[in-house]
C-alpha atoms as a PDB file:
ATOM      1  CA  UNK A   1     114.898  32.837  25.536  1.00  0.00           C
ATOM      2  CA  UNK A   2     115.224  36.186  23.750  1.00  0.00           C
ATOM      3  CA  UNK A   3     114.908  39.435  25.659  1.00  0.00           C
ATOM      4  CA  UNK A   4     112.084  41.417  25.012  1.00  0.00           C
ATOM      5  CA  UNK A   5     112.189  44.980  23.635  1.00  0.00           C
ATOM      6  CA  UNK A   6     112.546  47.713  25.780  1.00  0.00           C
ATOM      7  CA  UNK A   7     109.468  49.319  25.038  1.00  0.00           C
ATOM      8  CA  UNK A   8     107.627  45.663  25.578  1.00  0.00           C
ATOM      9  CA  UNK A   9     108.678  45.097  28.888  1.00  0.00           C
ATOM     10  CA  UNK A  10     106.140  44.774  31.728  1.00  0.00           C
ATOM     11  CA  UNK A  11     105.902  47.975  34.250  1.00  0.00           C
ATOM     12  CA  UNK A  12     107.440  47.741  37.395  1.00  0.00           C
ATOM     13  CA  UNK A  13     105.348  47.622  40.389  1.00  0.00           C
ATOM     14  CA  UNK A  14     105.872  50.072  43.504  1.00  0.00           C
ATOM     15  CA  UNK A  15     107.257  52.528  41.235  1.00  0.00           C
ATOM     16  CA  UNK A  16     104.654  54.999  40.398  1.00  0.00           C
ATOM     17  CA  UNK A  17     101.242  55.888  42.170  1.00  0.00           C
ATOM     18  CA  UNK A  18      97.940  56.794  40.037  1.00  0.00           C
ATOM     19  CA  UNK A  19      96.464  60.010  40.285  1.00  0.00           C
ATOM     20  CA  UNK A  20      93.467  58.605  42.279  1.00  0.00           C
ATOM     21  CA  UNK A  21      95.837  57.184  44.784  1.00  0.00           C
ATOM     22  CA  UNK A  22      97.665  60.191  45.225  1.00  0.00           C
ATOM     23  CA  UNK A  23      94.390  62.172  45.659  1.00  0.00           C
ATOM     24  CA  UNK A  24      93.328  59.731  48.319  1.00  0.00           C
ATOM     25  CA  UNK A  25      96.561  60.150  50.002  1.00  0.00           C
ATOM     26  CA  UNK A  26      96.494  63.656  50.234  1.00  0.00           C
ATOM     27  CA  UNK A  27      92.965  63.723  51.400  1.00  0.00           C
ATOM     28  CA  UNK A  28      93.827  61.550  54.404  1.00  0.00           C
ATOM     29  CA  UNK A  29      96.831  63.391  55.220  1.00  0.00           C
ATOM     30  CA  UNK A  30      94.941  66.828  55.159  1.00  0.00           C
ATOM     31  CA  UNK A  31      91.820  64.844  57.261  1.00  0.00           C
ATOM     32  CA  UNK A  32      94.801  63.811  59.729  1.00  0.00           C
ATOM     33  CA  UNK A  33      96.158  67.461  59.695  1.00  0.00           C
ATOM     34  CA  UNK A  34      92.657  69.061  60.650  1.00  0.00           C
ATOM     35  CA  UNK A  35      91.701  66.288  63.291  1.00  0.00           C
ATOM     36  CA  UNK A  36      95.345  67.115  64.963  1.00  0.00           C
ATOM     37  CA  UNK A  37      94.522  71.257  64.624  1.00  0.00           C
ATOM     38  CA  UNK A  38      90.867  70.666  66.271  1.00  0.00           C
ATOM     39  CA  UNK A  39      92.238  68.418  68.950  1.00  0.00           C
ATOM     40  CA  UNK A  40      95.242  70.954  69.568  1.00  0.00           C
ATOM     41  CA  UNK A  41      92.919  73.825  69.532  1.00  0.00           C
ATOM     42  CA  UNK A  42      90.349  72.039  71.882  1.00  0.00           C
ATOM     43  CA  UNK A  43      92.818  71.363  74.610  1.00  0.00           C
ATOM     44  CA  UNK A  44      93.884  75.251  74.443  1.00  0.00           C
ATOM     45  CA  UNK A  45      90.449  76.303  74.780  1.00  0.00           C
ATOM     46  CA  UNK A  46      89.670  73.740  77.381  1.00  0.00           C
ATOM     47  CA  UNK A  47      93.047  75.121  79.434  1.00  0.00           C
ATOM     48  CA  UNK A  48      92.334  78.770  78.575  1.00  0.00           C
ATOM     49  CA  UNK A  49      88.606  77.937  80.278  1.00  0.00           C
ATOM     50  CA  UNK A  50      90.087  76.412  83.449  1.00  0.00           C
ATOM     51  CA  UNK A  51      92.643  79.322  83.639  1.00  0.00           C
ATOM     52  CA  UNK A  52      89.868  81.867  82.966  1.00  0.00           C
ATOM     53  CA  UNK A  53      87.489  80.424  85.613  1.00  0.00           C
ATOM     54  CA  UNK A  54      90.695  80.351  88.389  1.00  0.00           C
ATOM     55  CA  UNK A  55      91.611  83.764  87.628  1.00  0.00           C
ATOM     56  CA  UNK A  56      88.476  85.454  86.602  1.00  0.00           C
ATOM     57  CA  UNK A  57      90.270  86.682  82.819  1.00  0.00           C
ATOM     58  CA  UNK A  58      91.576  85.276  79.878  1.00  0.00           C
ATOM     59  CA  UNK A  59      95.342  85.084  80.834  1.00  0.00           C
ATOM     60  CA  UNK A  60      96.819  84.073  77.744  1.00  0.00           C
ATOM     61  CA  UNK A  61      95.125  87.115  75.807  1.00  0.00           C
ATOM     62  CA  UNK A  62      96.200  89.266  78.927  1.00  0.00           C
ATOM     63  CA  UNK A  63      99.566  88.505  78.622  1.00  0.00           C
ATOM     64  CA  UNK A  64     100.156  89.006  75.026  1.00  0.00           C
ATOM     65  CA  UNK A  65      98.488  92.555  75.172  1.00  0.00           C
ATOM     66  CA  UNK A  66     100.565  93.345  78.310  1.00  0.00           C
ATOM     67  CA  UNK A  67     103.653  92.241  76.330  1.00  0.00           C
ATOM     68  CA  UNK A  68     102.646  94.549  73.330  1.00  0.00           C
ATOM     69  CA  UNK A  69     102.311  97.734  75.758  1.00  0.00           C
ATOM     70  CA  UNK A  70     105.158  96.794  77.724  1.00  0.00           C
ATOM     71  CA  UNK A  71     107.095  96.630  74.670  1.00  0.00           C
ATOM     72  CA  UNK A  72     105.874  99.884  73.331  1.00  0.00           C
ATOM     73  CA  UNK A  73     106.613 101.341  76.568  1.00  0.00           C
ATOM     74  CA  UNK A  74     110.220 100.115  76.773  1.00  0.00           C
ATOM     75  CA  UNK A  75     111.092 101.051  73.512  1.00  0.00           C
ATOM     76  CA  UNK A  76     110.073 104.822  74.326  1.00  0.00           C
ATOM     77  CA  UNK A  77     111.864 104.654  77.416  1.00  0.00           C
ATOM     78  CA  UNK A  78     115.436 103.485  76.316  1.00  0.00           C
ATOM     79  CA  UNK A  79     115.676 104.933  72.715  1.00  0.00           C
ATOM     80  CA  UNK A  80     114.034 108.384  72.822  1.00  0.00           C
ATOM     81  CA  UNK A  81     112.299 110.313  75.880  1.00  0.00           C
ATOM     82  CA  UNK A  82     110.341 112.358  73.683  1.00  0.00           C
ATOM     83  CA  UNK A  83     108.410 109.207  72.392  1.00  0.00           C
ATOM     84  CA  UNK A  84     107.462 108.216  76.156  1.00  0.00           C
ATOM     85  CA  UNK A  85     105.757 111.883  76.459  1.00  0.00           C
ATOM     86  CA  UNK A  86     103.862 110.729  73.250  1.00  0.00           C
ATOM     87  CA  UNK A  87     103.319 107.084  74.754  1.00  0.00           C
ATOM     88  CA  UNK A  88     102.222 108.797  78.160  1.00  0.00           C
ATOM     89  CA  UNK A  89      99.883 111.244  76.134  1.00  0.00           C
ATOM     90  CA  UNK A  90      97.999 108.270  74.366  1.00  0.00           C
ATOM     91  CA  UNK A  91      97.847 106.270  77.809  1.00  0.00           C
ATOM     92  CA  UNK A  92      96.532 109.221  80.017  1.00  0.00           C
ATOM     93  CA  UNK A  93      94.063 110.251  77.410  1.00  0.00           C
ATOM     94  CA  UNK A  94      92.448 107.235  77.056  1.00  0.00           C
ATOM     95  CA  UNK A  95      92.447 106.559  80.897  1.00  0.00           C
ATOM     96  CA  UNK A  96      90.933 109.640  81.504  1.00  0.00           C
ATOM     97  CA  UNK A  97      88.251 109.335  78.887  1.00  0.00           C
ATOM     98  CA  UNK A  98      87.379 105.825  80.140  1.00  0.00           C
ATOM     99  CA  UNK A  99      86.851 107.231  83.830  1.00  0.00           C
ATOM    100  CA  UNK A 100      84.807 110.019  82.521  1.00  0.00           C
ATOM    101  CA  UNK A 101      82.901 107.496  80.473  1.00  0.00           C
ATOM    102  CA  UNK A 102      82.080 105.002  83.764  1.00  0.00           C
ATOM    103  CA  UNK A 103      81.515 108.348  85.801  1.00  0.00           C
ATOM    104  CA  UNK A 104      78.766 109.373  83.126  1.00  0.00           C
ATOM    105  CA  UNK A 105      77.302 105.991  83.247  1.00  0.00           C
ATOM    106  CA  UNK A 106      76.572 106.151  87.183  1.00  0.00           C
ATOM    107  CA  UNK A 107      74.793 109.359  86.579  1.00  0.00           C
ATOM    108  CA  UNK A 108      77.586 112.347  86.603  1.00  0.00           C
ATOM    109  CA  UNK A 109      77.378 114.936  83.789  1.00  0.00           C
ATOM    110  CA  UNK A 110      81.383 114.704  83.055  1.00  0.00           C
ATOM    111  CA  UNK A 111      82.242 116.528  79.864  1.00  0.00           C
ATOM    112  CA  UNK A 112      84.595 114.209  78.061  1.00  0.00           C
ATOM    113  CA  UNK A 113      86.262 116.568  75.374  1.00  0.00           C
ATOM    114  CA  UNK A 114      87.546 119.017  78.391  1.00  0.00           C
ATOM    115  CA  UNK A 115      88.634 115.944  80.361  1.00  0.00           C
ATOM    116  CA  UNK A 116      91.009 114.839  77.448  1.00  0.00           C
ATOM    117  CA  UNK A 117      92.212 118.087  76.400  1.00  0.00           C
ATOM    118  CA  UNK A 118      93.157 118.570  80.066  1.00  0.00           C
ATOM    119  CA  UNK A 119      94.962 115.143  80.423  1.00  0.00           C
ATOM    120  CA  UNK A 120      96.978 115.528  77.324  1.00  0.00           C
ATOM    121  CA  UNK A 121      98.185 118.873  78.343  1.00  0.00           C
ATOM    122  CA  UNK A 122      99.663 118.011  81.306  1.00  0.00           C
ATOM    123  CA  UNK A 123     102.288 115.787  79.875  1.00  0.00           C
ATOM    124  CA  UNK A 124     104.173 118.269  77.907  1.00  0.00           C
ATOM    125  CA  UNK A 125     104.161 120.759  80.852  1.00  0.00           C
ATOM    126  CA  UNK A 126     105.560 118.314  83.017  1.00  0.00           C
ATOM    127  CA  UNK A 127     108.096 117.032  80.565  1.00  0.00           C
ATOM    128  CA  UNK A 128     109.390 120.627  79.479  1.00  0.00           C
ATOM    129  CA  UNK A 129     108.402 122.636  82.489  1.00  0.00           C
ATOM    130  CA  UNK A 130     109.237 119.969  85.543  1.00  0.00           C
ATOM    131  CA  UNK A 131     107.051 120.319  88.736  1.00  0.00           C
ATOM    132  CA  UNK A 132     105.630 124.049  87.871  1.00  0.00           C
ATOM    133  CA  UNK A 133     104.216 122.633  84.734  1.00  0.00           C
ATOM    134  CA  UNK A 134     103.009 119.910  86.154  1.00  0.00           C
ATOM    135  CA  UNK A 135     101.045 121.730  88.858  1.00  0.00           C
ATOM    136  CA  UNK A 136      99.617 124.742  86.441  1.00  0.00           C
ATOM    137  CA  UNK A 137      98.531 122.496  83.713  1.00  0.00           C
ATOM    138  CA  UNK A 138      96.751 120.208  86.354  1.00  0.00           C
ATOM    139  CA  UNK A 139      95.083 123.195  87.680  1.00  0.00           C
ATOM    140  CA  UNK A 140      94.481 124.744  84.491  1.00  0.00           C
ATOM    141  CA  UNK A 141      92.770 121.560  83.545  1.00  0.00           C
ATOM    142  CA  UNK A 142      90.640 121.565  86.393  1.00  0.00           C
ATOM    143  CA  UNK A 143      89.354 125.330  85.648  1.00  0.00           C
ATOM    144  CA  UNK A 144      88.854 124.224  81.987  1.00  0.00           C
ATOM    145  CA  UNK A 145      86.390 121.254  82.859  1.00  0.00           C
ATOM    146  CA  UNK A 146      84.522 123.439  85.621  1.00  0.00           C
ATOM    147  CA  UNK A 147      83.849 126.250  83.235  1.00  0.00           C
ATOM    148  CA  UNK A 148      83.155 123.864  80.251  1.00  0.00           C
ATOM    149  CA  UNK A 149      80.146 122.030  83.017  1.00  0.00           C
ATOM    150  CA  UNK A 150      78.906 125.639  83.869  1.00  0.00           C
ATOM    151  CA  UNK A 151      78.824 126.488  80.238  1.00  0.00           C
ATOM    152  CA  UNK A 152      76.671 123.284  79.434  1.00  0.00           C
ATOM    153  CA  UNK A 153      74.017 124.024  82.059  1.00  0.00           C
ATOM    154  CA  UNK A 154      72.734 126.743  79.428  1.00  0.00           C
ATOM    155  CA  UNK A 155      71.587 124.222  77.235  1.00  0.00           C
ATOM    156  CA  UNK A 156      68.240 122.512  78.233  1.00  0.00           C
ATOM    157  CA  UNK A 157      69.717 118.787  78.010  1.00  0.00           C
ATOM    158  CA  UNK A 158      72.459 119.697  80.446  1.00  0.00           C
ATOM    159  CA  UNK A 159      70.674 121.769  82.793  1.00  0.00           C
ATOM    160  CA  UNK A 160      70.603 120.618  86.171  1.00  0.00           C
ATOM    161  CA  UNK A 161      70.842 121.712  89.906  1.00  0.00           C
ATOM    162  CA  UNK A 162      73.515 123.622  91.096  1.00  0.00           C
ATOM    163  CA  UNK A 163      74.583 120.901  93.708  1.00  0.00           C
ATOM    164  CA  UNK A 164      74.334 118.399  90.616  1.00  0.00           C
ATOM    165  CA  UNK A 165      76.845 120.373  88.507  1.00  0.00           C
ATOM    166  CA  UNK A 166      78.924 120.722  91.527  1.00  0.00           C
ATOM    167  CA  UNK A 167      78.824 116.851  91.864  1.00  0.00           C
ATOM    168  CA  UNK A 168      79.675 116.441  87.924  1.00  0.00           C
ATOM    169  CA  UNK A 169      82.774 119.138  88.492  1.00  0.00           C
ATOM    170  CA  UNK A 170      83.934 117.424  91.523  1.00  0.00           C
ATOM    171  CA  UNK A 171      83.731 113.973  89.641  1.00  0.00           C
ATOM    172  CA  UNK A 172      85.991 115.792  86.861  1.00  0.00           C
ATOM    173  CA  UNK A 173      88.482 116.988  89.815  1.00  0.00           C
ATOM    174  CA  UNK A 174      88.620 113.066  90.823  1.00  0.00           C
ATOM    175  CA  UNK A 175      89.799 112.529  87.233  1.00  0.00           C
ATOM    176  CA  UNK A 176      92.433 115.014  87.067  1.00  0.00           C
ATOM    177  CA  UNK A 177      94.001 114.527  90.300  1.00  0.00           C
ATOM    178  CA  UNK A 178      93.484 110.652  90.347  1.00  0.00           C
ATOM    179  CA  UNK A 179      94.711 109.816  86.908  1.00  0.00           C
ATOM    180  CA  UNK A 180      96.216 112.655  85.304  1.00  0.00           C
ATOM    181  CA  UNK A 181      98.445 114.564  88.239  1.00  0.00           C
ATOM    182  CA  UNK A 182      99.578 111.215  89.534  1.00  0.00           C
ATOM    183  CA  UNK A 183     100.488 109.861  86.320  1.00  0.00           C
ATOM    184  CA  UNK A 184     102.259 112.943  85.414  1.00  0.00           C
ATOM    185  CA  UNK A 185     104.801 112.102  87.996  1.00  0.00           C
ATOM    186  CA  UNK A 186     106.091 109.346  85.646  1.00  0.00           C
ATOM    187  CA  UNK A 187     106.492 111.876  82.773  1.00  0.00           C
ATOM    188  CA  UNK A 188     108.574 114.171  85.707  1.00  0.00           C
ATOM    189  CA  UNK A 189     110.485 111.221  86.295  1.00  0.00           C
ATOM    190  CA  UNK A 190     111.657 110.490  82.882  1.00  0.00           C
ATOM    191  CA  UNK A 191     112.545 113.819  81.963  1.00  0.00           C
ATOM    192  CA  UNK A 192     115.356 113.803  84.789  1.00  0.00           C
ATOM    193  CA  UNK A 193     118.964 112.749  84.167  1.00  0.00           C
ATOM    194  CA  UNK A 194     118.895 108.673  83.836  1.00  0.00           C
ATOM    195  CA  UNK A 195     115.178 109.433  85.047  1.00  0.00           C
ATOM    196  CA  UNK A 196     114.315 106.712  82.372  1.00  0.00           C
ATOM    197  CA  UNK A 197     116.161 103.618  84.313  1.00  0.00           C
ATOM    198  CA  UNK A 198     114.279 104.828  87.845  1.00  0.00           C
ATOM    199  CA  UNK A 199     111.059 104.795  85.629  1.00  0.00           C
ATOM    200  CA  UNK A 200     111.811 101.309  84.230  1.00  0.00           C
ATOM    201  CA  UNK A 201     112.680 100.088  87.820  1.00  0.00           C
ATOM    202  CA  UNK A 202     109.552 101.074  89.365  1.00  0.00           C
ATOM    203  CA  UNK A 203     107.443  99.641  86.345  1.00  0.00           C
ATOM    204  CA  UNK A 204     109.179  96.480  87.129  1.00  0.00           C
ATOM    205  CA  UNK A 205     108.654  96.604  90.763  1.00  0.00           C
ATOM    206  CA  UNK A 206     105.034  97.041  90.120  1.00  0.00           C
ATOM    207  CA  UNK A 207     104.829  94.173  87.584  1.00  0.00           C
ATOM    208  CA  UNK A 208     106.452  92.095  90.396  1.00  0.00           C
ATOM    209  CA  UNK A 209     104.193  92.664  93.056  1.00  0.00           C
ATOM    210  CA  UNK A 210     101.045  92.252  90.681  1.00  0.00           C
ATOM    211  CA  UNK A 211     102.675  88.764  89.759  1.00  0.00           C
ATOM    212  CA  UNK A 212     103.962  87.751  93.479  1.00  0.00           C
ATOM    213  CA  UNK A 213     100.493  88.566  95.095  1.00  0.00           C
ATOM    214  CA  UNK A 214      98.741  86.725  92.176  1.00  0.00           C
ATOM    215  CA  UNK A 215     101.166  83.500  92.411  1.00  0.00           C
ATOM    216  CA  UNK A 216     101.040  83.746  96.403  1.00  0.00           C
ATOM    217  CA  UNK A 217      97.192  84.504  96.394  1.00  0.00           C
ATOM    218  CA  UNK A 218      96.547  81.629  93.847  1.00  0.00           C
ATOM    219  CA  UNK A 219      98.434  79.017  96.196  1.00  0.00           C
ATOM    220  CA  UNK A 220      98.369  80.094  99.640  1.00  0.00           C
ATOM    221  CA  UNK A 221      95.652  82.651  99.845  1.00  0.00           C
ATOM    222  CA  UNK A 222      93.160  82.180 102.692  1.00  0.00           C
ATOM    223  CA  UNK A 223      93.071  85.098 104.609  1.00  0.00           C
ATOM    224  CA  UNK A 224      91.184  88.127 102.813  1.00  0.00           C
ATOM    225  CA  UNK A 225      92.658  91.409 103.280  1.00  0.00           C
ATOM    226  CA  UNK A 226      89.762  93.500 102.412  1.00  0.00           C
ATOM    227  CA  UNK A 227      86.790  91.397 101.879  1.00  0.00           C
ATOM    228  CA  UNK A 228      84.231  94.069 101.090  1.00  0.00           C
ATOM    229  CA  UNK A 229      86.236  96.053  98.545  1.00  0.00           C
ATOM    230  CA  UNK A 230      88.388  93.109  96.799  1.00  0.00           C
ATOM    231  CA  UNK A 231      87.478  89.515  97.969  1.00  0.00           C
ATOM    232  CA  UNK A 232      90.309  88.039  95.760  1.00  0.00           C
ATOM    233  CA  UNK A 233      93.015  90.033  97.681  1.00  0.00           C
ATOM    234  CA  UNK A 234      94.525  87.925 100.459  1.00  0.00           C
ATOM    235  CA  UNK A 235      97.403  89.011 103.142  1.00  0.00           C
ATOM    236  CA  UNK A 236      99.273  85.927 101.834  1.00  0.00           C
ATOM    237  CA  UNK A 237      99.416  87.366  98.463  1.00  0.00           C
ATOM    238  CA  UNK A 238     100.299  90.678 100.084  1.00  0.00           C
ATOM    239  CA  UNK A 239     103.326  89.212 101.851  1.00  0.00           C
ATOM    240  CA  UNK A 240     104.459  86.831  98.931  1.00  0.00           C
ATOM    241  CA  UNK A 241     104.407  90.227  96.920  1.00  0.00           C
ATOM    242  CA  UNK A 242     106.325  91.986  99.497  1.00  0.00           C
ATOM    243  CA  UNK A 243     108.942  89.206  99.764  1.00  0.00           C
ATOM    244  CA  UNK A 244     109.288  89.211  95.782  1.00  0.00           C
ATOM    245  CA  UNK A 245     109.695  93.383  95.632  1.00  0.00           C
ATOM    246  CA  UNK A 246     112.243  93.455  98.101  1.00  0.00           C
ATOM    247  CA  UNK A 247     114.279  90.975  96.245  1.00  0.00           C
ATOM    248  CA  UNK A 248     113.827  92.408  92.889  1.00  0.00           C
ATOM    249  CA  UNK A 249     114.409  96.021  94.602  1.00  0.00           C
ATOM    250  CA  UNK A 250     117.614  94.754  95.624  1.00  0.00           C
ATOM    251  CA  UNK A 251     118.759  93.651  92.510  1.00  0.00           C
ATOM    252  CA  UNK A 252     117.130  96.454  90.343  1.00  0.00           C
ATOM    253  CA  UNK A 253     118.843  98.967  92.930  1.00  0.00           C
ATOM    254  CA  UNK A 254     122.239  97.452  92.384  1.00  0.00           C
ATOM    255  CA  UNK A 255     122.375  97.057  88.977  1.00  0.00           C
ATOM    256  CA  UNK A 256     120.525  99.113  87.259  1.00  0.00           C
ATOM    257  CA  UNK A 257     120.180 102.191  89.550  1.00  0.00           C
ATOM    258  CA  UNK A 258     123.897 101.967  91.506  1.00  0.00           C
ATOM    259  CA  UNK A 259     122.217 102.169  94.696  1.00  0.00           C
ATOM    260  CA  UNK A 260     123.294  99.984  97.758  1.00  0.00           C
ATOM    261  CA  UNK A 261     121.568  96.929  98.625  1.00  0.00           C
ATOM    262  CA  UNK A 262     119.504  98.070 101.697  1.00  0.00           C
ATOM    263  CA  UNK A 263     118.224 101.059  98.968  1.00  0.00           C
ATOM    264  CA  UNK A 264     116.363  98.198  97.429  1.00  0.00           C
ATOM    265  CA  UNK A 265     114.801  96.885 100.505  1.00  0.00           C
ATOM    266  CA  UNK A 266     113.136 100.367 101.029  1.00  0.00           C
ATOM    267  CA  UNK A 267     112.482 100.738  97.191  1.00  0.00           C
ATOM    268  CA  UNK A 268     110.820  97.331  96.982  1.00  0.00           C
ATOM    269  CA  UNK A 269     108.608  97.817 100.306  1.00  0.00           C
ATOM    270  CA  UNK A 270     107.429 101.375  99.592  1.00  0.00           C
ATOM    271  CA  UNK A 271     106.334 100.166  95.602  1.00  0.00           C
ATOM    272  CA  UNK A 272     104.332  97.102  97.215  1.00  0.00           C
ATOM    273  CA  UNK A 273     102.324  99.420  99.675  1.00  0.00           C
ATOM    274  CA  UNK A 274     101.692 102.066  96.791  1.00  0.00           C
ATOM    275  CA  UNK A 275     100.685  99.351  94.720  1.00  0.00           C
ATOM    276  CA  UNK A 276      98.315  97.435  96.858  1.00  0.00           C
ATOM    277  CA  UNK A 277      97.209 100.937  97.918  1.00  0.00           C
ATOM    278  CA  UNK A 278      96.279 101.656  94.458  1.00  0.00           C
ATOM    279  CA  UNK A 279      94.876  98.298  93.382  1.00  0.00           C
ATOM    280  CA  UNK A 280      92.367  98.752  96.379  1.00  0.00           C
ATOM    281  CA  UNK A 281      91.462 102.269  95.693  1.00  0.00           C
ATOM    282  CA  UNK A 282      90.584 101.445  92.155  1.00  0.00           C
ATOM    283  CA  UNK A 283      88.675  98.396  93.708  1.00  0.00           C
ATOM    284  CA  UNK A 284      86.668 100.671  95.914  1.00  0.00           C
ATOM    285  CA  UNK A 285      85.779 103.234  93.023  1.00  0.00           C
ATOM    286  CA  UNK A 286      84.510 100.369  90.430  1.00  0.00           C
ATOM    287  CA  UNK A 287      82.425  99.189  93.642  1.00  0.00           C
ATOM    288  CA  UNK A 288      81.050 102.683  94.263  1.00  0.00           C
ATOM    289  CA  UNK A 289      80.396 102.477  90.522  1.00  0.00           C
ATOM    290  CA  UNK A 290      78.812  99.057  90.291  1.00  0.00           C
ATOM    291  CA  UNK A 291      80.983  97.740  87.384  1.00  0.00           C
ATOM    292  CA  UNK A 292      83.515  95.022  87.228  1.00  0.00           C
ATOM    293  CA  UNK A 293      85.845  96.504  84.775  1.00  0.00           C
ATOM    294  CA  UNK A 294      86.415 100.335  83.612  1.00  0.00           C
ATOM    295  CA  UNK A 295      86.002  99.107  80.162  1.00  0.00           C
ATOM    296  CA  UNK A 296      86.592  96.482  77.695  1.00  0.00           C
ATOM    297  CA  UNK A 297      89.140  98.178  75.544  1.00  0.00           C
ATOM    298  CA  UNK A 298      91.906  95.874  76.616  1.00  0.00           C
ATOM    299  CA  UNK A 299      90.657  92.101  76.354  1.00  0.00           C
ATOM    300  CA  UNK A 300      91.807  89.914  79.378  1.00  0.00           C
ATOM    301  CA  UNK A 301      92.708  93.108  81.496  1.00  0.00           C
ATOM    302  CA  UNK A 302      89.358  95.293  81.516  1.00  0.00           C
ATOM    303  CA  UNK A 303      90.262  98.703  80.706  1.00  0.00           C
ATOM    304  CA  UNK A 304      93.431 101.272  80.899  1.00  0.00           C
ATOM    305  CA  UNK A 305      92.616 102.247  84.378  1.00  0.00           C
ATOM    306  CA  UNK A 306      92.598  98.303  85.372  1.00  0.00           C
ATOM    307  CA  UNK A 307      96.123  97.995  84.636  1.00  0.00           C
ATOM    308  CA  UNK A 308      97.079 101.581  85.935  1.00  0.00           C
ATOM    309  CA  UNK A 309      95.488 101.062  89.330  1.00  0.00           C
ATOM    310  CA  UNK A 310      99.020  99.876  91.009  1.00  0.00           C
ATOM    311  CA  UNK A 311     101.004 102.369  88.824  1.00  0.00           C
ATOM    312  CA  UNK A 312      99.471 105.419  89.615  1.00  0.00           C
ATOM    313  CA  UNK A 313     100.115 105.959  93.305  1.00  0.00           C
ATOM    314  CA  UNK A 314     103.644 104.168  92.772  1.00  0.00           C
ATOM    315  CA  UNK A 315     104.846 107.100  90.390  1.00  0.00           C
ATOM    316  CA  UNK A 316     104.699 109.713  92.998  1.00  0.00           C
ATOM    317  CA  UNK A 317     106.699 107.588  95.342  1.00  0.00           C
ATOM    318  CA  UNK A 318     109.077 106.637  92.766  1.00  0.00           C
ATOM    319  CA  UNK A 319     109.563 110.329  92.277  1.00  0.00           C
ATOM    320  CA  UNK A 320     110.043 111.198  95.813  1.00  0.00           C
ATOM    321  CA  UNK A 321     112.452 108.272  96.071  1.00  0.00           C
ATOM    322  CA  UNK A 322     114.571 109.919  93.048  1.00  0.00           C
ATOM    323  CA  UNK A 323     114.618 112.996  94.732  1.00  0.00           C
ATOM    324  CA  UNK A 324     116.088 111.932  97.977  1.00  0.00           C
ATOM    325  CA  UNK A 325     118.444 109.140  96.906  1.00  0.00           C
ATOM    326  CA  UNK A 326     119.637 110.258  93.520  1.00  0.00           C
END
């Protein structure tokens, strides 16, 4: 039998795919991929809904936002101290505006422009002039807001009784003392030699306190600490936070601050007390204002003040410990 010519040989099966078959395979692969993505997304959504139902917030989104803010703060602390001053100015300014807005919704005519100006002005004064600049800038800010509110009373739209005007000024004083003055202690602390490490240490302790209280309260919480103010806060959560903070305080004090181990116990105990007090104080303010969150600017967190509630009282305590031990 003679060999067939090369160009007349029958095509071999299995070595080629037609264009229609290739398109069908591609379509099937894409369909499988889309179904897999939809199934994964449904699982993530279901998990997120279960977490949100149990914790009251979108925990995954809250963690992401917390990491972004924490990274910005960490970079400003470690590399250039002046960057932390800018970071603090932005945070304090937004927080002051946020609380002023909440007070306005509650019926207080708090002028927002002087509130923000006064809040931002305290930061460089504390950073470059120390505690004297902190006090002078705080008092000057209170005077600016009071004069601004009195001047607005001339306009018909802002005219009110003397008692109401005094109440508006008192609300502005609350912002300056509760947010600006307390937060400026962190600026004072950063400006000190090695103060950035003390600031980082107390911030890590505040995070430890919040995390320890959350985990302990979620798993073991049975006895409410202050049911009329914060129903979800329990004594079991507080004890878990205290234990975690004292352990973290010993480690941070020894390896970051160069302090003896017993200082870490004091450091952790003080911060857990101030952080808990700050959390309860902000809950009381929100309860009086009739709101759940100060704002919705930080999804999963609420507002800036909802994240700073534990930090604000802790700044003064950390600065006092620095002056005593460092």
